[in-house]
Amino acid sequence: MSAPPPRANEHRSGWAIGLPVATRRTALWIVVVVAIVIVGTIGYGLLEGWTVEDSLYMTVITLTTVGFREVHPLDEAGQVWTMVLAISAVGIIFGTIGLVAEAIVADAASGKREAKLMQGAVDQIRDHYLVCGYGRVGSTVARELVHGGQRVVVIDVRAESLATAQADGHLVIAGDATDDETLRRAGVERARGLVTSIDSDALNVYVTLSSRAISPALFIVARANAEGSEGKLLQAGADRVVSPYSMAGRRIAELAIRPRVADFIDAALSHGELAFSLEEVEVAAGGPLEGLTVGALRDAGIFLLAIVRDPNEYVPNPPDERTVVAGESLIVSGSAETLQQLRARV
C-alpha cells in the first residue's frame, strides 16, 4: 500500500508547524508589530540622525498615538516618516480589535467557552459518580443516581449523547473514557464511584483498568454485554458486574413468582413513594454509628435488617445486643425522614 500524501502543513517550516490557526495569527501579529517598531526606529535614526533611544521613543509614542510632542524638531522627511508610522498604528489598532473579536467569536462558535465553564464546574465537586456511556442504560443509571441524591458526571465521545445528558441536567465531559486524561478531567480521583455502561465489553474492560489504576479505592460497577465477559471485568478490577439482559430475565421471573415482594422492594428503594425506605450505610471509625447496639438503633427508629462484614458475608436479623463496629456495612429500614437524617449524619 502506498504511503498517504503529506498534509499541507507538513511542508511548512519554522515555529508555525502544528500551531492552531489563531495562535499562528497572533504570533504573526506580534512579529509585525515588533518589525514596525524596529523599522520606525531605524528610519528616525537614518532620516534625523537621532540616537537609538530617541528614535525608539519617538516610534513608540507615534505608534501608540499618545500625542506627546516630538523629541526633536522634525524636518520634512521626518514628518513624512511620522505620518507613515501613524497610519501603521491605525492599522495595528484595528488589527488588534479584529484579532480579539475573531478569537471571541471562534471560541464561542467552537464551544470552548462552554467546555471551560463545564470543566470548572466539574473541578469543584467531589464524592460524585462517573457514568461512562450515556445510552439507554447509562441514562437510566444517571437518573437513578440523581434520584438517590448523588451528583453525576457523564463521560461520552458522542456529541448527541452529551447534549442529551446536559439537557437532563448532568455535568458532562467530552472524551474517551478509556483515556486516563479524560478520567482525570472528570475527577476520577475525587469520585465516590464509577459506572461504565458502554455497549462494548472491550471498552468497559479498558475503562475499568484505567480507572482502577488511577484510583485504587474507587467503587466500580461495570456493564457486561456478552455471556462470559463478567469474569474479565472482575479481573480488570470491577467491584460489581451487571448484565442488563440477565438482570432483566431475573426481574421478569421475580415479578412472575413474587410480584408483591418485588413491588415492595421497588417502592422502598424509590426514595419517596412510600413512607419508609431501605438504605445502606457504612460504619466509619469514630463515626456516630460505631459502638451502637442493634437495640439502640431500633429505639432510634432504624431497623437493622443485616450486617455486611465482607462482600459475601451477611449477618441477617442480628440480636439486640449485637454492637456494630467500624468497617461494617448496615442494611437498614425505617421511615424516609429518619433515613434521610441518618444519611446526613454519616
C-alpha atoms as a PDB file:
ATOM      1  CA  MET A   1       0.000   0.000   0.000  1.00  0.00           C
ATOM      2  CA  SER A   2       1.401   3.398  -0.974  1.00  0.00           C
ATOM      3  CA  ALA A   3       2.044   5.982   1.695  1.00  0.00           C
ATOM      4  CA  PRO A   4      -0.649   8.660   2.155  1.00  0.00           C
ATOM      5  CA  PRO A   5       0.087  12.050   0.617  1.00  0.00           C
ATOM      6  CA  PRO A   6       1.643  14.561   3.001  1.00  0.00           C
ATOM      7  CA  ARG A   7      -0.683  17.074   4.615  1.00  0.00           C
ATOM      8  CA  ALA A   8      -0.431  20.664   3.595  1.00  0.00           C
ATOM      9  CA  ASN A   9       1.155  21.872   6.812  1.00  0.00           C
ATOM     10  CA  GLU A  10       3.899  19.253   6.615  1.00  0.00           C
ATOM     11  CA  HIS A  11       5.634  21.426   4.023  1.00  0.00           C
ATOM     12  CA  ARG A  12       5.728  24.424   6.324  1.00  0.00           C
ATOM     13  CA  SER A  13       8.823  25.190   8.284  1.00  0.00           C
ATOM     14  CA  GLY A  14       9.691  27.086  11.449  1.00  0.00           C
ATOM     15  CA  TRP A  15       7.648  27.845  14.524  1.00  0.00           C
ATOM     16  CA  ALA A  16       4.281  27.728  12.707  1.00  0.00           C
ATOM     17  CA  ILE A  17       4.250  23.945  12.241  1.00  0.00           C
ATOM     18  CA  GLY A  18       1.468  22.303  14.195  1.00  0.00           C
ATOM     19  CA  LEU A  19       0.200  25.512  15.813  1.00  0.00           C
ATOM     20  CA  PRO A  20      -3.527  26.315  15.733  1.00  0.00           C
ATOM     21  CA  VAL A  21      -4.642  28.933  13.228  1.00  0.00           C
ATOM     22  CA  ALA A  22      -5.478  31.502  15.934  1.00  0.00           C
ATOM     23  CA  THR A  23      -2.070  31.017  17.563  1.00  0.00           C
ATOM     24  CA  ARG A  24      -0.255  31.417  14.252  1.00  0.00           C
ATOM     25  CA  ARG A  25      -2.152  34.619  13.512  1.00  0.00           C
ATOM     26  CA  THR A  26      -1.410  36.055  16.959  1.00  0.00           C
ATOM     27  CA  ALA A  27       2.273  35.195  16.612  1.00  0.00           C
ATOM     28  CA  LEU A  28       2.363  36.775  13.138  1.00  0.00           C
ATOM     29  CA  TRP A  29       0.710  39.915  14.504  1.00  0.00           C
ATOM     30  CA  ILE A  30       3.355  40.200  17.262  1.00  0.00           C
ATOM     31  CA  VAL A  31       6.131  39.768  14.689  1.00  0.00           C
ATOM     32  CA  VAL A  32       4.603  42.538  12.528  1.00  0.00           C
ATOM     33  CA  VAL A  33       4.343  44.941  15.480  1.00  0.00           C
ATOM     34  CA  VAL A  34       7.940  44.297  16.548  1.00  0.00           C
ATOM     35  CA  ALA A  35       9.118  44.694  12.947  1.00  0.00           C
ATOM     36  CA  ILE A  36       7.327  48.060  12.599  1.00  0.00           C
ATOM     37  CA  VAL A  37       8.923  49.311  15.820  1.00  0.00           C
ATOM     38  CA  ILE A  38      12.384  48.280  14.604  1.00  0.00           C
ATOM     39  CA  VAL A  39      11.869  49.797  11.149  1.00  0.00           C
ATOM     40  CA  GLY A  40      10.486  53.012  12.666  1.00  0.00           C
ATOM     41  CA  THR A  41      13.475  53.321  14.997  1.00  0.00           C
ATOM     42  CA  ILE A  42      15.916  52.769  12.130  1.00  0.00           C
ATOM     43  CA  GLY A  43      14.018  55.290   9.985  1.00  0.00           C
ATOM     44  CA  TYR A  44      14.319  58.075  12.532  1.00  0.00           C
ATOM     45  CA  GLY A  45      17.965  57.259  13.029  1.00  0.00           C
ATOM     46  CA  LEU A  46      18.734  57.481   9.309  1.00  0.00           C
ATOM     47  CA  LEU A  47      16.483  60.434   8.441  1.00  0.00           C
ATOM     48  CA  GLU A  48      17.030  62.603  11.515  1.00  0.00           C
ATOM     49  CA  GLY A  49      20.347  61.316  12.832  1.00  0.00           C
ATOM     50  CA  TRP A  50      18.895  60.657  16.304  1.00  0.00           C
ATOM     51  CA  THR A  51      20.212  58.241  18.871  1.00  0.00           C
ATOM     52  CA  VAL A  52      18.644  54.802  19.220  1.00  0.00           C
ATOM     53  CA  GLU A  53      16.928  55.829  22.462  1.00  0.00           C
ATOM     54  CA  ASP A  54      15.358  58.953  20.930  1.00  0.00           C
ATOM     55  CA  SER A  55      14.380  57.113  17.755  1.00  0.00           C
ATOM     56  CA  LEU A  56      12.764  54.242  19.701  1.00  0.00           C
ATOM     57  CA  TYR A  57      10.928  56.671  21.991  1.00  0.00           C
ATOM     58  CA  MET A  58       9.552  58.648  19.037  1.00  0.00           C
ATOM     59  CA  THR A  59       8.489  55.456  17.274  1.00  0.00           C
ATOM     60  CA  VAL A  60       6.649  54.108  20.332  1.00  0.00           C
ATOM     61  CA  ILE A  61       4.747  57.324  21.108  1.00  0.00           C
ATOM     62  CA  THR A  62       3.752  57.617  17.453  1.00  0.00           C
ATOM     63  CA  LEU A  63       2.545  54.026  17.157  1.00  0.00           C
ATOM     64  CA  THR A  64       0.626  54.232  20.434  1.00  0.00           C
ATOM     65  CA  THR A  65      -0.925  57.585  19.412  1.00  0.00           C
ATOM     66  CA  VAL A  66      -0.328  59.099  22.854  1.00  0.00           C
ATOM     67  CA  GLY A  67       0.133  62.571  21.370  1.00  0.00           C
ATOM     68  CA  PHE A  68       3.342  63.657  23.099  1.00  0.00           C
ATOM     69  CA  ARG A  69       5.458  66.316  21.388  1.00  0.00           C
ATOM     70  CA  GLU A  70       8.427  65.345  19.241  1.00  0.00           C
ATOM     71  CA  VAL A  71      11.742  64.675  20.956  1.00  0.00           C
ATOM     72  CA  HIS A  72      13.475  66.991  18.470  1.00  0.00           C
ATOM     73  CA  PRO A  73      12.173  69.285  15.723  1.00  0.00           C
ATOM     74  CA  LEU A  74      11.333  67.297  12.574  1.00  0.00           C
ATOM     75  CA  ASP A  75      12.317  68.214   9.040  1.00  0.00           C
ATOM     76  CA  GLU A  76      10.126  67.343   6.046  1.00  0.00           C
ATOM     77  CA  ALA A  77      11.429  63.766   5.752  1.00  0.00           C
ATOM     78  CA  GLY A  78      10.865  63.193   9.468  1.00  0.00           C
ATOM     79  CA  GLN A  79       7.298  64.486   9.235  1.00  0.00           C
ATOM     80  CA  VAL A  80       6.520  62.144   6.329  1.00  0.00           C
ATOM     81  CA  TRP A  81       8.047  59.231   8.226  1.00  0.00           C
ATOM     82  CA  THR A  82       5.938  60.109  11.308  1.00  0.00           C
ATOM     83  CA  MET A  83       2.775  60.126   9.180  1.00  0.00           C
ATOM     84  CA  VAL A  84       3.661  56.689   7.788  1.00  0.00           C
ATOM     85  CA  LEU A  85       4.109  55.332  11.292  1.00  0.00           C
ATOM     86  CA  ALA A  86       0.849  56.946  12.462  1.00  0.00           C
ATOM     87  CA  ILE A  87      -1.063  55.276   9.622  1.00  0.00           C
ATOM     88  CA  SER A  88       0.627  51.986  10.513  1.00  0.00           C
ATOM     89  CA  ALA A  89      -0.501  52.491  14.127  1.00  0.00           C
ATOM     90  CA  VAL A  90      -4.127  52.805  12.993  1.00  0.00           C
ATOM     91  CA  GLY A  91      -3.759  49.519  11.128  1.00  0.00           C
ATOM     92  CA  ILE A  92      -2.277  47.868  14.218  1.00  0.00           C
ATOM     93  CA  ILE A  93      -5.149  49.093  16.412  1.00  0.00           C
ATOM     94  CA  PHE A  94      -7.846  47.842  14.048  1.00  0.00           C
ATOM     95  CA  GLY A  95      -5.917  44.629  13.518  1.00  0.00           C
ATOM     96  CA  THR A  96      -5.813  44.080  17.276  1.00  0.00           C
ATOM     97  CA  ILE A  97      -9.560  44.629  17.556  1.00  0.00           C
ATOM     98  CA  GLY A  98     -10.141  42.218  14.683  1.00  0.00           C
ATOM     99  CA  LEU A  99      -7.951  39.503  16.212  1.00  0.00           C
ATOM    100  CA  VAL A 100      -9.634  39.792  19.599  1.00  0.00           C
ATOM    101  CA  ALA A 101     -13.115  39.749  18.061  1.00  0.00           C
ATOM    102  CA  GLU A 102     -12.214  36.779  15.891  1.00  0.00           C
ATOM    103  CA  ALA A 103     -10.841  34.896  18.895  1.00  0.00           C
ATOM    104  CA  ILE A 104     -14.001  35.565  20.908  1.00  0.00           C
ATOM    105  CA  VAL A 105     -16.309  34.531  18.072  1.00  0.00           C
ATOM    106  CA  ALA A 106     -14.235  31.419  17.295  1.00  0.00           C
ATOM    107  CA  ASP A 107     -14.162  30.478  20.975  1.00  0.00           C
ATOM    108  CA  ALA A 108     -17.928  30.778  21.271  1.00  0.00           C
ATOM    109  CA  ALA A 109     -18.608  29.018  17.968  1.00  0.00           C
ATOM    110  CA  SER A 110     -16.339  26.082  18.768  1.00  0.00           C
ATOM    111  CA  GLY A 111     -17.887  25.540  22.217  1.00  0.00           C
ATOM    112  CA  LYS A 112     -14.575  26.081  24.003  1.00  0.00           C
ATOM    113  CA  ARG A 113     -16.053  28.651  26.359  1.00  0.00           C
ATOM    114  CA  GLU A 114     -18.883  26.344  27.349  1.00  0.00           C
ATOM    115  CA  ALA A 115     -16.412  23.478  27.775  1.00  0.00           C
ATOM    116  CA  LYS A 116     -14.247  25.629  30.065  1.00  0.00           C
ATOM    117  CA  LEU A 117     -17.246  26.545  32.197  1.00  0.00           C
ATOM    118  CA  MET A 118     -18.278  22.900  32.370  1.00  0.00           C
ATOM    119  CA  GLN A 119     -14.753  21.840  33.329  1.00  0.00           C
ATOM    120  CA  GLY A 120     -14.716  24.468  36.059  1.00  0.00           C
ATOM    121  CA  ALA A 121     -17.982  23.099  37.475  1.00  0.00           C
ATOM    122  CA  VAL A 122     -16.618  19.541  37.422  1.00  0.00           C
ATOM    123  CA  ASP A 123     -13.427  20.659  39.172  1.00  0.00           C
ATOM    124  CA  GLN A 124     -15.482  21.957  42.087  1.00  0.00           C
ATOM    125  CA  ILE A 125     -17.233  18.718  43.046  1.00  0.00           C
ATOM    126  CA  ARG A 126     -16.118  15.577  44.831  1.00  0.00           C
ATOM    127  CA  ASP A 127     -17.677  12.315  46.081  1.00  0.00           C
ATOM    128  CA  HIS A 128     -19.594  12.133  42.816  1.00  0.00           C
ATOM    129  CA  TYR A 129     -20.247   9.273  40.391  1.00  0.00           C
ATOM    130  CA  LEU A 130     -18.893   8.949  36.877  1.00  0.00           C
ATOM    131  CA  VAL A 131     -21.179   7.414  34.264  1.00  0.00           C
ATOM    132  CA  CYS A 132     -19.261   6.320  31.175  1.00  0.00           C
ATOM    133  CA  GLY A 133     -21.561   5.972  28.181  1.00  0.00           C
ATOM    134  CA  TYR A 134     -24.893   7.802  28.068  1.00  0.00           C
ATOM    135  CA  GLY A 135     -27.050   5.411  26.109  1.00  0.00           C
ATOM    136  CA  ARG A 136     -30.269   3.773  27.278  1.00  0.00           C
ATOM    137  CA  VAL A 137     -28.562   2.040  30.186  1.00  0.00           C
ATOM    138  CA  GLY A 138     -26.280   4.923  31.129  1.00  0.00           C
ATOM    139  CA  SER A 139     -29.087   7.495  31.108  1.00  0.00           C
ATOM    140  CA  THR A 140     -31.166   5.279  33.393  1.00  0.00           C
ATOM    141  CA  VAL A 141     -28.215   4.819  35.759  1.00  0.00           C
ATOM    142  CA  ALA A 142     -27.585   8.572  35.893  1.00  0.00           C
ATOM    143  CA  ARG A 143     -31.250   9.320  36.550  1.00  0.00           C
ATOM    144  CA  GLU A 144     -31.419   6.809  39.417  1.00  0.00           C
ATOM    145  CA  LEU A 145     -28.187   8.137  40.942  1.00  0.00           C
ATOM    146  CA  VAL A 146     -29.556  11.673  40.938  1.00  0.00           C
ATOM    147  CA  HIS A 147     -32.825  10.334  42.348  1.00  0.00           C
ATOM    148  CA  GLY A 148     -30.751   8.864  45.166  1.00  0.00           C
ATOM    149  CA  GLY A 149     -29.203  12.248  45.960  1.00  0.00           C
ATOM    150  CA  GLN A 150     -25.875  11.688  44.185  1.00  0.00           C
ATOM    151  CA  ARG A 151     -24.006  14.015  41.836  1.00  0.00           C
ATOM    152  CA  VAL A 152     -23.151  12.670  38.399  1.00  0.00           C
ATOM    153  CA  VAL A 153     -20.585  13.455  35.720  1.00  0.00           C
ATOM    154  CA  VAL A 154     -21.243  11.854  32.327  1.00  0.00           C
ATOM    155  CA  ILE A 155     -18.371  10.876  30.012  1.00  0.00           C
ATOM    156  CA  ASP A 156     -19.086  10.169  26.360  1.00  0.00           C
ATOM    157  CA  VAL A 157     -17.450  10.655  22.963  1.00  0.00           C
ATOM    158  CA  ARG A 158     -20.691  11.319  21.090  1.00  0.00           C
ATOM    159  CA  ALA A 159     -21.851  14.914  20.848  1.00  0.00           C
ATOM    160  CA  GLU A 160     -25.522  13.932  20.698  1.00  0.00           C
ATOM    161  CA  SER A 161     -25.248  11.869  23.888  1.00  0.00           C
ATOM    162  CA  LEU A 162     -23.504  14.721  25.694  1.00  0.00           C
ATOM    163  CA  ALA A 163     -26.188  17.164  24.550  1.00  0.00           C
ATOM    164  CA  THR A 164     -28.867  14.821  25.887  1.00  0.00           C
ATOM    165  CA  ALA A 165     -27.027  14.444  29.191  1.00  0.00           C
ATOM    166  CA  GLN A 166     -26.720  18.225  29.534  1.00  0.00           C
ATOM    167  CA  ALA A 167     -30.396  18.651  28.751  1.00  0.00           C
ATOM    168  CA  ASP A 168     -31.106  16.136  31.532  1.00  0.00           C
ATOM    169  CA  GLY A 169     -29.185  18.346  33.954  1.00  0.00           C
ATOM    170  CA  HIS A 170     -25.915  16.417  34.267  1.00  0.00           C
ATOM    171  CA  LEU A 171     -22.344  17.668  34.173  1.00  0.00           C
ATOM    172  CA  VAL A 172     -20.537  16.270  31.133  1.00  0.00           C
ATOM    173  CA  ILE A 173     -17.002  15.654  29.932  1.00  0.00           C
ATOM    174  CA  ALA A 174     -16.376  15.043  26.238  1.00  0.00           C
ATOM    175  CA  GLY A 175     -13.780  12.375  25.599  1.00  0.00           C
ATOM    176  CA  ASP A 176     -12.851   8.723  25.552  1.00  0.00           C
ATOM    177  CA  ALA A 177     -13.405   7.162  28.983  1.00  0.00           C
ATOM    178  CA  THR A 178     -10.590   4.679  28.331  1.00  0.00           C
ATOM    179  CA  ASP A 179      -8.138   7.598  28.310  1.00  0.00           C
ATOM    180  CA  ASP A 180      -6.520   8.465  31.646  1.00  0.00           C
ATOM    181  CA  GLU A 181      -6.583  12.194  30.945  1.00  0.00           C
ATOM    182  CA  THR A 182     -10.337  12.126  30.274  1.00  0.00           C
ATOM    183  CA  LEU A 183     -10.951  10.286  33.544  1.00  0.00           C
ATOM    184  CA  ARG A 184      -8.833  12.785  35.446  1.00  0.00           C
ATOM    185  CA  ARG A 185     -10.703  15.715  33.875  1.00  0.00           C
ATOM    186  CA  ALA A 186     -13.915  14.095  35.124  1.00  0.00           C
ATOM    187  CA  GLY A 187     -12.476  13.951  38.652  1.00  0.00           C
ATOM    188  CA  VAL A 188     -11.982  10.193  38.967  1.00  0.00           C
ATOM    189  CA  GLU A 189      -9.515  10.732  41.811  1.00  0.00           C
ATOM    190  CA  ARG A 190     -12.188  12.594  43.797  1.00  0.00           C
ATOM    191  CA  ALA A 191     -15.122  10.397  42.781  1.00  0.00           C
ATOM    192  CA  ARG A 192     -17.047   8.031  45.017  1.00  0.00           C
ATOM    193  CA  GLY A 193     -17.801   5.549  42.279  1.00  0.00           C
ATOM    194  CA  LEU A 194     -17.801   4.849  38.543  1.00  0.00           C
ATOM    195  CA  VAL A 195     -20.324   3.081  36.338  1.00  0.00           C
ATOM    196  CA  THR A 196     -19.143   2.033  32.894  1.00  0.00           C
ATOM    197  CA  SER A 197     -22.191   1.260  30.764  1.00  0.00           C
ATOM    198  CA  ILE A 198     -20.727   1.317  27.257  1.00  0.00           C
ATOM    199  CA  ASP A 199     -22.217  -1.202  24.839  1.00  0.00           C
ATOM    200  CA  SER A 200     -18.786  -2.773  24.247  1.00  0.00           C
ATOM    201  CA  ASP A 201     -17.271  -5.221  26.722  1.00  0.00           C
ATOM    202  CA  ALA A 202     -13.753  -4.466  25.483  1.00  0.00           C
ATOM    203  CA  LEU A 203     -14.210  -0.737  26.161  1.00  0.00           C
ATOM    204  CA  ASN A 204     -15.729  -1.444  29.567  1.00  0.00           C
ATOM    205  CA  VAL A 205     -12.677  -3.551  30.427  1.00  0.00           C
ATOM    206  CA  TYR A 206     -10.339  -0.718  29.380  1.00  0.00           C
ATOM    207  CA  VAL A 207     -12.331   1.841  31.367  1.00  0.00           C
ATOM    208  CA  THR A 208     -12.206  -0.427  34.420  1.00  0.00           C
ATOM    209  CA  LEU A 209      -8.459  -0.991  34.087  1.00  0.00           C
ATOM    210  CA  SER A 210      -7.718   2.706  33.627  1.00  0.00           C
ATOM    211  CA  SER A 211      -9.916   3.945  36.461  1.00  0.00           C
ATOM    212  CA  ARG A 212      -8.696   1.255  38.852  1.00  0.00           C
ATOM    213  CA  ALA A 213      -5.071   2.160  38.109  1.00  0.00           C
ATOM    214  CA  ILE A 214      -5.723   5.844  38.829  1.00  0.00           C
ATOM    215  CA  SER A 215      -7.934   5.364  41.893  1.00  0.00           C
ATOM    216  CA  PRO A 216      -7.431   2.006  43.677  1.00  0.00           C
ATOM    217  CA  ALA A 217     -10.203   2.715  46.222  1.00  0.00           C
ATOM    218  CA  LEU A 218     -12.833   3.665  43.614  1.00  0.00           C
ATOM    219  CA  PHE A 219     -16.042   1.590  43.610  1.00  0.00           C
ATOM    220  CA  ILE A 220     -16.592   0.393  40.041  1.00  0.00           C
ATOM    221  CA  VAL A 221     -19.734  -1.120  38.547  1.00  0.00           C
ATOM    222  CA  ALA A 222     -19.333  -2.454  35.014  1.00  0.00           C
ATOM    223  CA  ARG A 223     -21.848  -3.481  32.396  1.00  0.00           C
ATOM    224  CA  ALA A 224     -21.399  -6.910  30.807  1.00  0.00           C
ATOM    225  CA  ASN A 225     -22.942  -7.328  27.371  1.00  0.00           C
ATOM    226  CA  ALA A 226     -21.810 -10.765  26.204  1.00  0.00           C
ATOM    227  CA  GLU A 227     -22.037 -14.009  28.126  1.00  0.00           C
ATOM    228  CA  GLY A 228     -18.728 -14.829  29.800  1.00  0.00           C
ATOM    229  CA  SER A 229     -17.446 -11.262  29.989  1.00  0.00           C
ATOM    230  CA  GLU A 230     -18.263 -10.924  33.697  1.00  0.00           C
ATOM    231  CA  GLY A 231     -15.046 -12.712  34.697  1.00  0.00           C
ATOM    232  CA  LYS A 232     -12.882 -10.439  32.538  1.00  0.00           C
ATOM    233  CA  LEU A 233     -14.440  -7.324  34.039  1.00  0.00           C
ATOM    234  CA  LEU A 234     -13.925  -8.631  37.575  1.00  0.00           C
ATOM    235  CA  GLN A 235     -10.305  -9.445  36.767  1.00  0.00           C
ATOM    236  CA  ALA A 236      -9.895  -5.930  35.370  1.00  0.00           C
ATOM    237  CA  GLY A 237     -10.890  -4.524  38.762  1.00  0.00           C
ATOM    238  CA  ALA A 238     -14.670  -4.073  38.755  1.00  0.00           C
ATOM    239  CA  ASP A 239     -16.317  -4.405  42.173  1.00  0.00           C
ATOM    240  CA  ARG A 240     -19.649  -5.410  40.669  1.00  0.00           C
ATOM    241  CA  VAL A 241     -20.619  -6.598  37.196  1.00  0.00           C
ATOM    242  CA  VAL A 242     -24.160  -6.382  35.857  1.00  0.00           C
ATOM    243  CA  SER A 243     -25.584  -7.904  32.708  1.00  0.00           C
ATOM    244  CA  PRO A 244     -28.707  -5.936  31.713  1.00  0.00           C
ATOM    245  CA  TYR A 245     -30.110  -8.958  29.920  1.00  0.00           C
ATOM    246  CA  SER A 246     -29.574 -11.372  32.831  1.00  0.00           C
ATOM    247  CA  MET A 247     -30.932  -8.805  35.271  1.00  0.00           C
ATOM    248  CA  ALA A 248     -33.981  -8.283  33.086  1.00  0.00           C
ATOM    249  CA  GLY A 249     -34.573 -12.029  32.977  1.00  0.00           C
ATOM    250  CA  ARG A 250     -34.336 -12.376  36.760  1.00  0.00           C
ATOM    251  CA  ARG A 251     -36.558  -9.328  37.208  1.00  0.00           C
ATOM    252  CA  ILE A 252     -39.253 -10.784  34.978  1.00  0.00           C
ATOM    253  CA  ALA A 253     -39.083 -14.106  36.855  1.00  0.00           C
ATOM    254  CA  GLU A 254     -39.352 -12.315  40.236  1.00  0.00           C
ATOM    255  CA  LEU A 255     -42.393 -10.406  39.059  1.00  0.00           C
ATOM    256  CA  ALA A 256     -43.987 -13.644  37.858  1.00  0.00           C
ATOM    257  CA  ILE A 257     -43.259 -15.603  41.070  1.00  0.00           C
ATOM    258  CA  ARG A 258     -43.258 -12.941  43.823  1.00  0.00           C
ATOM    259  CA  PRO A 259     -44.876  -9.807  42.372  1.00  0.00           C
ATOM    260  CA  ARG A 260     -45.765  -8.215  45.732  1.00  0.00           C
ATOM    261  CA  VAL A 261     -42.259  -8.733  47.127  1.00  0.00           C
ATOM    262  CA  ALA A 262     -40.733  -7.183  44.009  1.00  0.00           C
ATOM    263  CA  ASP A 263     -43.146  -4.247  44.131  1.00  0.00           C
ATOM    264  CA  PHE A 264     -42.431  -3.720  47.833  1.00  0.00           C
ATOM    265  CA  ILE A 265     -38.658  -3.596  47.307  1.00  0.00           C
ATOM    266  CA  ASP A 266     -39.037  -1.251  44.337  1.00  0.00           C
ATOM    267  CA  ALA A 267     -41.237   1.078  46.351  1.00  0.00           C
ATOM    268  CA  ALA A 268     -38.851   1.015  49.338  1.00  0.00           C
ATOM    269  CA  LEU A 269     -35.903   1.906  47.105  1.00  0.00           C
ATOM    270  CA  SER A 270     -37.693   4.633  45.174  1.00  0.00           C
ATOM    271  CA  HIS A 271     -36.944   7.376  47.743  1.00  0.00           C
ATOM    272  CA  GLY A 272     -40.315   8.882  48.361  1.00  0.00           C
ATOM    273  CA  GLU A 273     -43.110   6.679  47.026  1.00  0.00           C
ATOM    274  CA  LEU A 274     -43.588   5.095  50.467  1.00  0.00           C
ATOM    275  CA  ALA A 275     -43.328   6.468  53.988  1.00  0.00           C
ATOM    276  CA  PHE A 276     -40.391   4.140  54.648  1.00  0.00           C
ATOM    277  CA  SER A 277     -37.248   3.182  52.794  1.00  0.00           C
ATOM    278  CA  LEU A 278     -34.217   0.920  52.666  1.00  0.00           C
ATOM    279  CA  GLU A 279     -30.683   2.216  52.918  1.00  0.00           C
ATOM    280  CA  GLU A 280     -27.061   1.029  53.051  1.00  0.00           C
ATOM    281  CA  VAL A 281     -24.732   2.886  55.417  1.00  0.00           C
ATOM    282  CA  GLU A 282     -21.076   2.440  56.296  1.00  0.00           C
ATOM    283  CA  VAL A 283     -19.867   2.304  59.903  1.00  0.00           C
ATOM    284  CA  ALA A 284     -16.881   4.649  59.947  1.00  0.00           C
ATOM    285  CA  ALA A 285     -14.210   4.641  62.643  1.00  0.00           C
ATOM    286  CA  GLY A 286     -15.098   7.346  65.135  1.00  0.00           C
ATOM    287  CA  GLY A 287     -18.420   7.944  63.388  1.00  0.00           C
ATOM    288  CA  PRO A 288     -21.860   8.311  65.006  1.00  0.00           C
ATOM    289  CA  LEU A 289     -22.769   4.631  64.461  1.00  0.00           C
ATOM    290  CA  GLU A 290     -19.647   2.960  65.808  1.00  0.00           C
ATOM    291  CA  GLY A 291     -20.271   1.181  69.137  1.00  0.00           C
ATOM    292  CA  LEU A 292     -24.072   1.365  68.972  1.00  0.00           C
ATOM    293  CA  THR A 293     -26.119  -1.779  69.553  1.00  0.00           C
ATOM    294  CA  VAL A 294     -28.851  -3.097  67.309  1.00  0.00           C
ATOM    295  CA  GLY A 295     -31.377  -2.334  70.064  1.00  0.00           C
ATOM    296  CA  ALA A 296     -30.214   1.277  70.338  1.00  0.00           C
ATOM    297  CA  LEU A 297     -30.608   1.728  66.602  1.00  0.00           C
ATOM    298  CA  ARG A 298     -34.117   0.285  66.740  1.00  0.00           C
ATOM    299  CA  ASP A 299     -35.053   2.662  69.549  1.00  0.00           C
ATOM    300  CA  ALA A 300     -33.983   5.479  67.222  1.00  0.00           C
ATOM    301  CA  GLY A 301     -36.336   4.191  64.528  1.00  0.00           C
ATOM    302  CA  ILE A 302     -33.639   2.414  62.489  1.00  0.00           C
ATOM    303  CA  PHE A 303     -34.322  -1.280  61.924  1.00  0.00           C
ATOM    304  CA  LEU A 304     -31.209  -3.293  61.133  1.00  0.00           C
ATOM    305  CA  LEU A 305     -32.015  -5.977  58.553  1.00  0.00           C
ATOM    306  CA  ALA A 306     -28.480  -7.279  58.029  1.00  0.00           C
ATOM    307  CA  ILE A 307     -24.844  -6.553  58.748  1.00  0.00           C
ATOM    308  CA  VAL A 308     -22.378  -6.971  55.877  1.00  0.00           C
ATOM    309  CA  ARG A 309     -18.862  -7.789  57.065  1.00  0.00           C
ATOM    310  CA  ASP A 310     -17.435  -8.923  53.710  1.00  0.00           C
ATOM    311  CA  PRO A 311     -18.870  -8.757  50.181  1.00  0.00           C
ATOM    312  CA  ASN A 312     -20.463 -12.202  50.589  1.00  0.00           C
ATOM    313  CA  GLU A 313     -20.770 -12.450  54.386  1.00  0.00           C
ATOM    314  CA  TYR A 314     -24.119 -11.331  55.800  1.00  0.00           C
ATOM    315  CA  VAL A 315     -25.452 -11.418  59.362  1.00  0.00           C
ATOM    316  CA  PRO A 316     -29.254 -11.271  58.946  1.00  0.00           C
ATOM    317  CA  ASN A 317     -31.543 -10.164  61.779  1.00  0.00           C
ATOM    318  CA  PRO A 318     -28.744  -9.542  64.312  1.00  0.00           C
ATOM    319  CA  PRO A 319     -29.755  -9.689  68.009  1.00  0.00           C
ATOM    320  CA  ASP A 320     -30.393  -6.533  70.015  1.00  0.00           C
ATOM    321  CA  GLU A 321     -27.162  -6.834  71.983  1.00  0.00           C
ATOM    322  CA  ARG A 322     -25.007  -7.009  68.841  1.00  0.00           C
ATOM    323  CA  THR A 323     -22.647  -3.996  68.594  1.00  0.00           C
ATOM    324  CA  VAL A 324     -21.767  -2.595  65.186  1.00  0.00           C
ATOM    325  CA  VAL A 325     -18.092  -1.960  64.558  1.00  0.00           C
ATOM    326  CA  ALA A 326     -16.109   0.177  62.129  1.00  0.00           C
ATOM    327  CA  GLY A 327     -15.722  -1.266  58.662  1.00  0.00           C
ATOM    328  CA  GLU A 328     -19.113  -2.975  58.572  1.00  0.00           C
ATOM    329  CA  SER A 329     -21.973  -2.032  56.281  1.00  0.00           C
ATOM    330  CA  LEU A 330     -25.531  -1.918  57.559  1.00  0.00           C
ATOM    331  CA  ILE A 331     -28.683  -2.682  55.589  1.00  0.00           C
ATOM    332  CA  VAL A 332     -31.336  -0.701  57.415  1.00  0.00           C
ATOM    333  CA  SER A 333     -35.002   0.141  57.098  1.00  0.00           C
ATOM    334  CA  GLY A 334     -37.036   2.946  58.587  1.00  0.00           C
ATOM    335  CA  SER A 335     -39.089   5.995  57.794  1.00  0.00           C
ATOM    336  CA  ALA A 336     -37.900   8.048  54.858  1.00  0.00           C
ATOM    337  CA  GLU A 337     -37.330  11.035  57.145  1.00  0.00           C
ATOM    338  CA  THR A 338     -35.290   9.015  59.668  1.00  0.00           C
ATOM    339  CA  LEU A 339     -33.079   7.502  56.980  1.00  0.00           C
ATOM    340  CA  GLN A 340     -32.596  10.884  55.359  1.00  0.00           C
ATOM    341  CA  GLN A 341     -31.331  12.234  58.690  1.00  0.00           C
ATOM    342  CA  LEU A 342     -29.101   9.169  59.055  1.00  0.00           C
ATOM    343  CA  ARG A 343     -27.548   9.732  55.619  1.00  0.00           C
ATOM    344  CA  ALA A 344     -26.868  13.338  56.541  1.00  0.00           C
ATOM    345  CA  ARG A 345     -25.083  12.251  59.741  1.00  0.00           C
ATOM    346  CA  VAL A 346     -22.860   9.580  58.198  1.00  0.00           C
END
